[in-house]
Amino acid sequence: ACLPMALDDAARAGRLHPGDLVVLTGS
């Protein structure tokens, strides 16, 4: 759950903008 939680949290914090390149890595 940590990756979608971090993605949601980043969006709420205003860290994501249209056109941003995002890389998610889980292991």
mmCIF file of all heavy atoms, coordinates in Angstrom:
data_MODEL
# 
_entry.id   MODEL 
# 
loop_
_atom_site.group_PDB 
_atom_site.id 
_atom_site.type_symbol 
_atom_site.label_atom_id 
_atom_site.label_alt_id 
_atom_site.label_comp_id 
_atom_site.label_asym_id 
_atom_site.label_entity_id 
_atom_site.label_seq_id 
_atom_site.pdbx_PDB_ins_code 
_atom_site.Cartn_x 
_atom_site.Cartn_y 
_atom_site.Cartn_z 
_atom_site.occupancy 
_atom_site.B_iso_or_equiv 
_atom_site.pdbx_formal_charge 
_atom_site.auth_seq_id 
_atom_site.auth_comp_id 
_atom_site.auth_asym_id 
_atom_site.auth_atom_id 
_atom_site.pdbx_PDB_model_num 
ATOM 1   N N   . ALA A 1 1  ? 0.806  -1.222 0.000   1.00 0.00 ? 1  ALA A N   1 
ATOM 2   C CA  . ALA A 1 1  ? 0.000  0.000  0.000   1.00 0.00 ? 1  ALA A CA  1 
ATOM 3   C C   . ALA A 1 1  ? 0.836  1.268  0.000   1.00 0.00 ? 1  ALA A C   1 
ATOM 4   O O   . ALA A 1 1  ? 0.320  2.357  -0.278  1.00 0.00 ? 1  ALA A O   1 
ATOM 5   C CB  . ALA A 1 1  ? -0.937 0.013  1.206   1.00 0.00 ? 1  ALA A CB  1 
ATOM 6   N N   . CYS A 1 2  ? 2.141  1.160  0.308   1.00 0.00 ? 2  CYS A N   1 
ATOM 7   C CA  . CYS A 1 2  ? 2.919  2.384  0.539   1.00 0.00 ? 2  CYS A CA  1 
ATOM 8   C C   . CYS A 1 2  ? 3.061  3.247  -0.710  1.00 0.00 ? 2  CYS A C   1 
ATOM 9   O O   . CYS A 1 2  ? 3.080  4.481  -0.616  1.00 0.00 ? 2  CYS A O   1 
ATOM 10  C CB  . CYS A 1 2  ? 4.273  2.057  1.152   1.00 0.00 ? 2  CYS A CB  1 
ATOM 11  S SG  . CYS A 1 2  ? 5.467  1.258  0.060   1.00 0.00 ? 2  CYS A SG  1 
ATOM 12  N N   . LEU A 1 3  ? 3.164  2.644  -1.888  1.00 0.00 ? 3  LEU A N   1 
ATOM 13  C CA  . LEU A 1 3  ? 3.333  3.450  -3.105  1.00 0.00 ? 3  LEU A CA  1 
ATOM 14  C C   . LEU A 1 3  ? 2.088  4.261  -3.449  1.00 0.00 ? 3  LEU A C   1 
ATOM 15  O O   . LEU A 1 3  ? 2.188  5.472  -3.688  1.00 0.00 ? 3  LEU A O   1 
ATOM 16  C CB  . LEU A 1 3  ? 3.756  2.573  -4.273  1.00 0.00 ? 3  LEU A CB  1 
ATOM 17  C CG  . LEU A 1 3  ? 5.209  2.087  -4.251  1.00 0.00 ? 3  LEU A CG  1 
ATOM 18  C CD1 . LEU A 1 3  ? 5.483  1.175  -5.440  1.00 0.00 ? 3  LEU A CD1 1 
ATOM 19  C CD2 . LEU A 1 3  ? 6.189  3.257  -4.251  1.00 0.00 ? 3  LEU A CD2 1 
ATOM 20  N N   . PRO A 1 4  ? 0.881  3.673  -3.509  1.00 0.00 ? 4  PRO A N   1 
ATOM 21  C CA  . PRO A 1 4  ? -0.282 4.516  -3.788  1.00 0.00 ? 4  PRO A CA  1 
ATOM 22  C C   . PRO A 1 4  ? -0.575 5.500  -2.659  1.00 0.00 ? 4  PRO A C   1 
ATOM 23  O O   . PRO A 1 4  ? -1.104 6.594  -2.909  1.00 0.00 ? 4  PRO A O   1 
ATOM 24  C CB  . PRO A 1 4  ? -1.426 3.522  -3.972  1.00 0.00 ? 4  PRO A CB  1 
ATOM 25  C CG  . PRO A 1 4  ? -0.998 2.299  -3.245  1.00 0.00 ? 4  PRO A CG  1 
ATOM 26  C CD  . PRO A 1 4  ? 0.501  2.243  -3.443  1.00 0.00 ? 4  PRO A CD  1 
ATOM 27  N N   . MET A 1 5  ? -0.233 5.140  -1.420  1.00 0.00 ? 5  MET A N   1 
ATOM 28  C CA  . MET A 1 5  ? -0.392 6.088  -0.318  1.00 0.00 ? 5  MET A CA  1 
ATOM 29  C C   . MET A 1 5  ? 0.544  7.274  -0.485  1.00 0.00 ? 5  MET A C   1 
ATOM 30  O O   . MET A 1 5  ? 0.159  8.434  -0.269  1.00 0.00 ? 5  MET A O   1 
ATOM 31  C CB  . MET A 1 5  ? -0.141 5.388  1.017   1.00 0.00 ? 5  MET A CB  1 
ATOM 32  C CG  . MET A 1 5  ? -1.213 4.373  1.393   1.00 0.00 ? 5  MET A CG  1 
ATOM 33  S SD  . MET A 1 5  ? -0.788 3.402  2.869   1.00 0.00 ? 5  MET A SD  1 
ATOM 34  C CE  . MET A 1 5  ? -0.937 4.660  4.147   1.00 0.00 ? 5  MET A CE  1 
ATOM 35  N N   . ALA A 1 6  ? 1.789  7.003  -0.887  1.00 0.00 ? 6  ALA A N   1 
ATOM 36  C CA  . ALA A 1 6  ? 2.750  8.090  -1.116  1.00 0.00 ? 6  ALA A CA  1 
ATOM 37  C C   . ALA A 1 6  ? 2.339  8.940  -2.311  1.00 0.00 ? 6  ALA A C   1 
ATOM 38  O O   . ALA A 1 6  ? 2.501  10.163 -2.304  1.00 0.00 ? 6  ALA A O   1 
ATOM 39  C CB  . ALA A 1 6  ? 4.153  7.513  -1.328  1.00 0.00 ? 6  ALA A CB  1 
ATOM 40  N N   . LEU A 1 7  ? 1.802  8.298  -3.351  1.00 0.00 ? 7  LEU A N   1 
ATOM 41  C CA  . LEU A 1 7  ? 1.337  9.047  -4.523  1.00 0.00 ? 7  LEU A CA  1 
ATOM 42  C C   . LEU A 1 7  ? 0.193  9.972  -4.146  1.00 0.00 ? 7  LEU A C   1 
ATOM 43  O O   . LEU A 1 7  ? 0.171  11.153 -4.526  1.00 0.00 ? 7  LEU A O   1 
ATOM 44  C CB  . LEU A 1 7  ? 0.889  8.064  -5.613  1.00 0.00 ? 7  LEU A CB  1 
ATOM 45  C CG  . LEU A 1 7  ? 0.383  8.684  -6.913  1.00 0.00 ? 7  LEU A CG  1 
ATOM 46  C CD1 . LEU A 1 7  ? 1.514  9.380  -7.662  1.00 0.00 ? 7  LEU A CD1 1 
ATOM 47  C CD2 . LEU A 1 7  ? -0.257 7.613  -7.797  1.00 0.00 ? 7  LEU A CD2 1 
ATOM 48  N N   . ASP A 1 8  ? -0.760 9.452  -3.403  1.00 0.00 ? 8  ASP A N   1 
ATOM 49  C CA  . ASP A 1 8  ? -1.889 10.265 -2.959  1.00 0.00 ? 8  ASP A CA  1 
ATOM 50  C C   . ASP A 1 8  ? -1.419 11.406 -2.069  1.00 0.00 ? 8  ASP A C   1 
ATOM 51  O O   . ASP A 1 8  ? -1.867 12.554 -2.202  1.00 0.00 ? 8  ASP A O   1 
ATOM 52  C CB  . ASP A 1 8  ? -2.883 9.374  -2.213  1.00 0.00 ? 8  ASP A CB  1 
ATOM 53  C CG  . ASP A 1 8  ? -4.106 10.133 -1.730  1.00 0.00 ? 8  ASP A CG  1 
ATOM 54  O OD1 . ASP A 1 8  ? -4.756 10.801 -2.561  1.00 0.00 ? 8  ASP A OD1 1 
ATOM 55  O OD2 . ASP A 1 8  ? -4.427 10.057 -0.528  1.00 0.00 ? 8  ASP A OD2 1 
ATOM 56  N N   . ASP A 1 9  ? -0.488 11.112 -1.175  1.00 0.00 ? 9  ASP A N   1 
ATOM 57  C CA  . ASP A 1 9  ? 0.031  12.126 -0.275  1.00 0.00 ? 9  ASP A CA  1 
ATOM 58  C C   . ASP A 1 9  ? 0.781  13.217 -1.035  1.00 0.00 ? 9  ASP A C   1 
ATOM 59  O O   . ASP A 1 9  ? 0.664  14.404 -0.719  1.00 0.00 ? 9  ASP A O   1 
ATOM 60  C CB  . ASP A 1 9  ? 0.957  11.468 0.751   1.00 0.00 ? 9  ASP A CB  1 
ATOM 61  C CG  . ASP A 1 9  ? 1.276  12.372 1.921   1.00 0.00 ? 9  ASP A CG  1 
ATOM 62  O OD1 . ASP A 1 9  ? 0.360  12.654 2.717   1.00 0.00 ? 9  ASP A OD1 1 
ATOM 63  O OD2 . ASP A 1 9  ? 2.443  12.809 2.038   1.00 0.00 ? 9  ASP A OD2 1 
ATOM 64  N N   . ALA A 1 10 ? 1.538  12.815 -2.057  1.00 0.00 ? 10 ALA A N   1 
ATOM 65  C CA  . ALA A 1 10 ? 2.261  13.798 -2.865  1.00 0.00 ? 10 ALA A CA  1 
ATOM 66  C C   . ALA A 1 10 ? 1.286  14.710 -3.609  1.00 0.00 ? 10 ALA A C   1 
ATOM 67  O O   . ALA A 1 10 ? 1.514  15.924 -3.717  1.00 0.00 ? 10 ALA A O   1 
ATOM 68  C CB  . ALA A 1 10 ? 3.180  13.082 -3.861  1.00 0.00 ? 10 ALA A CB  1 
ATOM 69  N N   . ALA A 1 11 ? 0.197  14.126 -4.114  1.00 0.00 ? 11 ALA A N   1 
ATOM 70  C CA  . ALA A 1 11 ? -0.801 14.936 -4.806  1.00 0.00 ? 11 ALA A CA  1 
ATOM 71  C C   . ALA A 1 11 ? -1.437 15.939 -3.851  1.00 0.00 ? 11 ALA A C   1 
ATOM 72  O O   . ALA A 1 11 ? -1.616 17.116 -4.195  1.00 0.00 ? 11 ALA A O   1 
ATOM 73  C CB  . ALA A 1 11 ? -1.870 14.034 -5.426  1.00 0.00 ? 11 ALA A CB  1 
ATOM 74  N N   . ARG A 1 12 ? -1.762 15.492 -2.642  1.00 0.00 ? 12 ARG A N   1 
ATOM 75  C CA  . ARG A 1 12 ? -2.368 16.373 -1.651  1.00 0.00 ? 12 ARG A CA  1 
ATOM 76  C C   . ARG A 1 12 ? -1.423 17.497 -1.241  1.00 0.00 ? 12 ARG A C   1 
ATOM 77  O O   . ARG A 1 12 ? -1.849 18.595 -0.905  1.00 0.00 ? 12 ARG A O   1 
ATOM 78  C CB  . ARG A 1 12 ? -2.765 15.565 -0.416  1.00 0.00 ? 12 ARG A CB  1 
ATOM 79  C CG  . ARG A 1 12 ? -3.870 14.573 -0.666  1.00 0.00 ? 12 ARG A CG  1 
ATOM 80  C CD  . ARG A 1 12 ? -4.125 13.720 0.580   1.00 0.00 ? 12 ARG A CD  1 
ATOM 81  N NE  . ARG A 1 12 ? -5.045 12.651 0.252   1.00 0.00 ? 12 ARG A NE  1 
ATOM 82  C CZ  . ARG A 1 12 ? -6.363 12.796 0.192   1.00 0.00 ? 12 ARG A CZ  1 
ATOM 83  N NH1 . ARG A 1 12 ? -6.898 13.972 0.428   1.00 0.00 ? 12 ARG A NH1 1 
ATOM 84  N NH2 . ARG A 1 12 ? -7.132 11.771 -0.128  1.00 0.00 ? 12 ARG A NH2 1 
ATOM 85  N N   . ALA A 1 13 ? -0.128 17.186 -1.241  1.00 0.00 ? 13 ALA A N   1 
ATOM 86  C CA  . ALA A 1 13 ? 0.872  18.183 -0.839  1.00 0.00 ? 13 ALA A CA  1 
ATOM 87  C C   . ALA A 1 13 ? 1.223  19.150 -1.962  1.00 0.00 ? 13 ALA A C   1 
ATOM 88  O O   . ALA A 1 13 ? 2.063  20.019 -1.791  1.00 0.00 ? 13 ALA A O   1 
ATOM 89  C CB  . ALA A 1 13 ? 2.138  17.462 -0.355  1.00 0.00 ? 13 ALA A CB  1 
ATOM 90  N N   . GLY A 1 14 ? 0.590  18.983 -3.132  1.00 0.00 ? 14 GLY A N   1 
ATOM 91  C CA  . GLY A 1 14 ? 0.841  19.878 -4.258  1.00 0.00 ? 14 GLY A CA  1 
ATOM 92  C C   . GLY A 1 14 ? 2.152  19.613 -4.968  1.00 0.00 ? 14 GLY A C   1 
ATOM 93  O O   . GLY A 1 14 ? 2.691  20.497 -5.640  1.00 0.00 ? 14 GLY A O   1 
ATOM 94  N N   . ARG A 1 15 ? 2.664  18.374 -4.866  1.00 0.00 ? 15 ARG A N   1 
ATOM 95  C CA  . ARG A 1 15 ? 3.950  18.066 -5.472  1.00 0.00 ? 15 ARG A CA  1 
ATOM 96  C C   . ARG A 1 15 ? 3.839  17.552 -6.895  1.00 0.00 ? 15 ARG A C   1 
ATOM 97  O O   . ARG A 1 15 ? 4.860  17.315 -7.538  1.00 0.00 ? 15 ARG A O   1 
ATOM 98  C CB  . ARG A 1 15 ? 4.688  17.030 -4.619  1.00 0.00 ? 15 ARG A CB  1 
ATOM 99  C CG  . ARG A 1 15 ? 5.032  17.499 -3.214  1.00 0.00 ? 15 ARG A CG  1 
ATOM 100 C CD  . ARG A 1 15 ? 6.156  16.681 -2.623  1.00 0.00 ? 15 ARG A CD  1 
ATOM 101 N NE  . ARG A 1 15 ? 7.400  16.861 -3.368  1.00 0.00 ? 15 ARG A NE  1 
ATOM 102 C CZ  . ARG A 1 15 ? 8.538  16.231 -3.066  1.00 0.00 ? 15 ARG A CZ  1 
ATOM 103 N NH1 . ARG A 1 15 ? 8.575  15.372 -2.052  1.00 0.00 ? 15 ARG A NH1 1 
ATOM 104 N NH2 . ARG A 1 15 ? 9.635  16.429 -3.773  1.00 0.00 ? 15 ARG A NH2 1 
ATOM 105 N N   . LEU A 1 16 ? 2.631  17.355 -7.392  1.00 0.00 ? 16 LEU A N   1 
ATOM 106 C CA  . LEU A 1 16 ? 2.440  16.813 -8.735  1.00 0.00 ? 16 LEU A CA  1 
ATOM 107 C C   . LEU A 1 16 ? 1.748  17.825 -9.628  1.00 0.00 ? 16 LEU A C   1 
ATOM 108 O O   . LEU A 1 16 ? 0.771  18.461 -9.223  1.00 0.00 ? 16 LEU A O   1 
ATOM 109 C CB  . LEU A 1 16 ? 1.611  15.523 -8.667  1.00 0.00 ? 16 LEU A CB  1 
ATOM 110 C CG  . LEU A 1 16 ? 2.336  14.323 -8.052  1.00 0.00 ? 16 LEU A CG  1 
ATOM 111 C CD1 . LEU A 1 16 ? 1.357  13.200 -7.774  1.00 0.00 ? 16 LEU A CD1 1 
ATOM 112 C CD2 . LEU A 1 16 ? 3.441  13.850 -8.978  1.00 0.00 ? 16 LEU A CD2 1 
ATOM 113 N N   . HIS A 1 17 ? 2.258  17.951 -10.860 1.00 0.00 ? 17 HIS A N   1 
ATOM 114 C CA  . HIS A 1 17 ? 1.734  18.917 -11.812 1.00 0.00 ? 17 HIS A CA  1 
ATOM 115 C C   . HIS A 1 17 ? 1.604  18.252 -13.179 1.00 0.00 ? 17 HIS A C   1 
ATOM 116 O O   . HIS A 1 17 ? 2.344  17.300 -13.491 1.00 0.00 ? 17 HIS A O   1 
ATOM 117 C CB  . HIS A 1 17 ? 2.661  20.130 -11.913 1.00 0.00 ? 17 HIS A CB  1 
ATOM 118 C CG  . HIS A 1 17 ? 3.009  20.725 -10.580 1.00 0.00 ? 17 HIS A CG  1 
ATOM 119 N ND1 . HIS A 1 17 ? 4.126  20.323 -9.857  1.00 0.00 ? 17 HIS A ND1 1 
ATOM 120 C CD2 . HIS A 1 17 ? 2.382  21.664 -9.832  1.00 0.00 ? 17 HIS A CD2 1 
ATOM 121 C CE1 . HIS A 1 17 ? 4.163  21.014 -8.723  1.00 0.00 ? 17 HIS A CE1 1 
ATOM 122 N NE2 . HIS A 1 17 ? 3.121  21.822 -8.688  1.00 0.00 ? 17 HIS A NE2 1 
ATOM 123 N N   . PRO A 1 18 ? 0.677  18.719 -14.003 1.00 0.00 ? 18 PRO A N   1 
ATOM 124 C CA  . PRO A 1 18 ? 0.512  18.124 -15.340 1.00 0.00 ? 18 PRO A CA  1 
ATOM 125 C C   . PRO A 1 18 ? 1.835  18.077 -16.093 1.00 0.00 ? 18 PRO A C   1 
ATOM 126 O O   . PRO A 1 18 ? 2.569  19.069 -16.139 1.00 0.00 ? 18 PRO A O   1 
ATOM 127 C CB  . PRO A 1 18 ? -0.494 19.050 -16.008 1.00 0.00 ? 18 PRO A CB  1 
ATOM 128 C CG  . PRO A 1 18 ? -1.286 19.628 -14.877 1.00 0.00 ? 18 PRO A CG  1 
ATOM 129 C CD  . PRO A 1 18 ? -0.307 19.803 -13.761 1.00 0.00 ? 18 PRO A CD  1 
ATOM 130 N N   . GLY A 1 19 ? 2.136  16.921 -16.657 1.00 0.00 ? 19 GLY A N   1 
ATOM 131 C CA  . GLY A 1 19 ? 3.375  16.751 -17.406 1.00 0.00 ? 19 GLY A CA  1 
ATOM 132 C C   . GLY A 1 19 ? 4.513  16.180 -16.610 1.00 0.00 ? 19 GLY A C   1 
ATOM 133 O O   . GLY A 1 19 ? 5.539  15.783 -17.191 1.00 0.00 ? 19 GLY A O   1 
ATOM 134 N N   . ASP A 1 20 ? 4.382  16.113 -15.280 1.00 0.00 ? 20 ASP A N   1 
ATOM 135 C CA  . ASP A 1 20 ? 5.456  15.566 -14.451 1.00 0.00 ? 20 ASP A CA  1 
ATOM 136 C C   . ASP A 1 20 ? 5.692  14.093 -14.779 1.00 0.00 ? 20 ASP A C   1 
ATOM 137 O O   . ASP A 1 20 ? 4.748  13.319 -14.964 1.00 0.00 ? 20 ASP A O   1 
ATOM 138 C CB  . ASP A 1 20 ? 5.116  15.686 -12.966 1.00 0.00 ? 20 ASP A CB  1 
ATOM 139 C CG  . ASP A 1 20 ? 5.386  17.075 -12.414 1.00 0.00 ? 20 ASP A CG  1 
ATOM 140 O OD1 . ASP A 1 20 ? 5.867  17.938 -13.170 1.00 0.00 ? 20 ASP A OD1 1 
ATOM 141 O OD2 . ASP A 1 20 ? 5.101  17.301 -11.212 1.00 0.00 ? 20 ASP A OD2 1 
ATOM 142 N N   . LEU A 1 21 ? 6.965  13.723 -14.801 1.00 0.00 ? 21 LEU A N   1 
ATOM 143 C CA  . LEU A 1 21 ? 7.347  12.321 -14.971 1.00 0.00 ? 21 LEU A CA  1 
ATOM 144 C C   . LEU A 1 21 ? 7.558  11.724 -13.585 1.00 0.00 ? 21 LEU A C   1 
ATOM 145 O O   . LEU A 1 21 ? 8.371  12.212 -12.800 1.00 0.00 ? 21 LEU A O   1 
ATOM 146 C CB  . LEU A 1 21 ? 8.635  12.206 -15.790 1.00 0.00 ? 21 LEU A CB  1 
ATOM 147 C CG  . LEU A 1 21 ? 9.188  10.797 -16.019 1.00 0.00 ? 21 LEU A CG  1 
ATOM 148 C CD1 . LEU A 1 21 ? 8.181  9.913  -16.746 1.00 0.00 ? 21 LEU A CD1 1 
ATOM 149 C CD2 . LEU A 1 21 ? 10.504 10.859 -16.797 1.00 0.00 ? 21 LEU A CD2 1 
ATOM 150 N N   . VAL A 1 22 ? 6.803  10.668 -13.283 1.00 0.00 ? 22 VAL A N   1 
ATOM 151 C CA  . VAL A 1 22 ? 6.830  10.025 -11.971 1.00 0.00 ? 22 VAL A CA  1 
ATOM 152 C C   . VAL A 1 22 ? 7.272  8.577  -12.146 1.00 0.00 ? 22 VAL A C   1 
ATOM 153 O O   . VAL A 1 22 ? 6.803  7.883  -13.050 1.00 0.00 ? 22 VAL A O   1 
ATOM 154 C CB  . VAL A 1 22 ? 5.440  10.065 -11.305 1.00 0.00 ? 22 VAL A CB  1 
ATOM 155 C CG1 . VAL A 1 22 ? 5.491  9.435  -9.917  1.00 0.00 ? 22 VAL A CG1 1 
ATOM 156 C CG2 . VAL A 1 22 ? 4.913  11.494 -11.235 1.00 0.00 ? 22 VAL A CG2 1 
ATOM 157 N N   . VAL A 1 23 ? 8.171  8.131  -11.278 1.00 0.00 ? 23 VAL A N   1 
ATOM 158 C CA  . VAL A 1 23 ? 8.614  6.739  -11.309 1.00 0.00 ? 23 VAL A CA  1 
ATOM 159 C C   . VAL A 1 23 ? 8.350  6.114  -9.944  1.00 0.00 ? 23 VAL A C   1 
ATOM 160 O O   . VAL A 1 23 ? 8.790  6.630  -8.914  1.00 0.00 ? 23 VAL A O   1 
ATOM 161 C CB  . VAL A 1 23 ? 10.104 6.617  -11.669 1.00 0.00 ? 23 VAL A CB  1 
ATOM 162 C CG1 . VAL A 1 23 ? 10.557 5.159  -11.572 1.00 0.00 ? 23 VAL A CG1 1 
ATOM 163 C CG2 . VAL A 1 23 ? 10.364 7.149  -13.078 1.00 0.00 ? 23 VAL A CG2 1 
ATOM 164 N N   . LEU A 1 24 ? 7.613  4.993  -9.947  1.00 0.00 ? 24 LEU A N   1 
ATOM 165 C CA  . LEU A 1 24 ? 7.288  4.256  -8.736  1.00 0.00 ? 24 LEU A CA  1 
ATOM 166 C C   . LEU A 1 24 ? 8.000  2.908  -8.767  1.00 0.00 ? 24 LEU A C   1 
ATOM 167 O O   . LEU A 1 24 ? 7.906  2.186  -9.763  1.00 0.00 ? 24 LEU A O   1 
ATOM 168 C CB  . LEU A 1 24 ? 5.784  3.994  -8.628  1.00 0.00 ? 24 LEU A CB  1 
ATOM 169 C CG  . LEU A 1 24 ? 4.797  5.156  -8.760  1.00 0.00 ? 24 LEU A CG  1 
ATOM 170 C CD1 . LEU A 1 24 ? 4.402  5.353  -10.205 1.00 0.00 ? 24 LEU A CD1 1 
ATOM 171 C CD2 . LEU A 1 24 ? 3.548  4.884  -7.926  1.00 0.00 ? 24 LEU A CD2 1 
ATOM 172 N N   . THR A 1 25 ? 8.682  2.574  -7.691  1.00 0.00 ? 25 THR A N   1 
ATOM 173 C CA  . THR A 1 25 ? 9.399  1.301  -7.618  1.00 0.00 ? 25 THR A CA  1 
ATOM 174 C C   . THR A 1 25 ? 9.092  0.618  -6.295  1.00 0.00 ? 25 THR A C   1 
ATOM 175 O O   . THR A 1 25 ? 9.260  1.219  -5.231  1.00 0.00 ? 25 THR A O   1 
ATOM 176 C CB  . THR A 1 25 ? 10.915 1.517  -7.748  1.00 0.00 ? 25 THR A CB  1 
ATOM 177 O OG1 . THR A 1 25 ? 11.192 2.248  -8.947  1.00 0.00 ? 25 THR A OG1 1 
ATOM 178 C CG2 . THR A 1 25 ? 11.652 0.190  -7.778  1.00 0.00 ? 25 THR A CG2 1 
ATOM 179 N N   . GLY A 1 26 ? 8.645  -0.634 -6.382  1.00 0.00 ? 26 GLY A N   1 
ATOM 180 C CA  . GLY A 1 26 ? 8.332  -1.394 -5.187  1.00 0.00 ? 26 GLY A CA  1 
ATOM 181 C C   . GLY A 1 26 ? 9.063  -2.720 -5.185  1.00 0.00 ? 26 GLY A C   1 
ATOM 182 O O   . GLY A 1 26 ? 9.282  -3.329 -6.231  1.00 0.00 ? 26 GLY A O   1 
ATOM 183 N N   . SER A 1 27 ? 9.448  -3.166 -3.993  1.00 0.00 ? 27 SER A N   1 
ATOM 184 C CA  . SER A 1 27 ? 10.088 -4.475 -3.870  1.00 0.00 ? 27 SER A CA  1 
ATOM 185 C C   . SER A 1 27 ? 9.750  -5.075 -2.530  1.00 0.00 ? 27 SER A C   1 
ATOM 186 O O   . SER A 1 27 ? 9.442  -4.359 -1.570  1.00 0.00 ? 27 SER A O   1 
ATOM 187 C CB  . SER A 1 27 ? 11.612 -4.363 -4.034  1.00 0.00 ? 27 SER A CB  1 
ATOM 188 O OG  . SER A 1 27 ? 12.167 -3.569 -3.000  1.00 0.00 ? 27 SER A OG  1 
# 
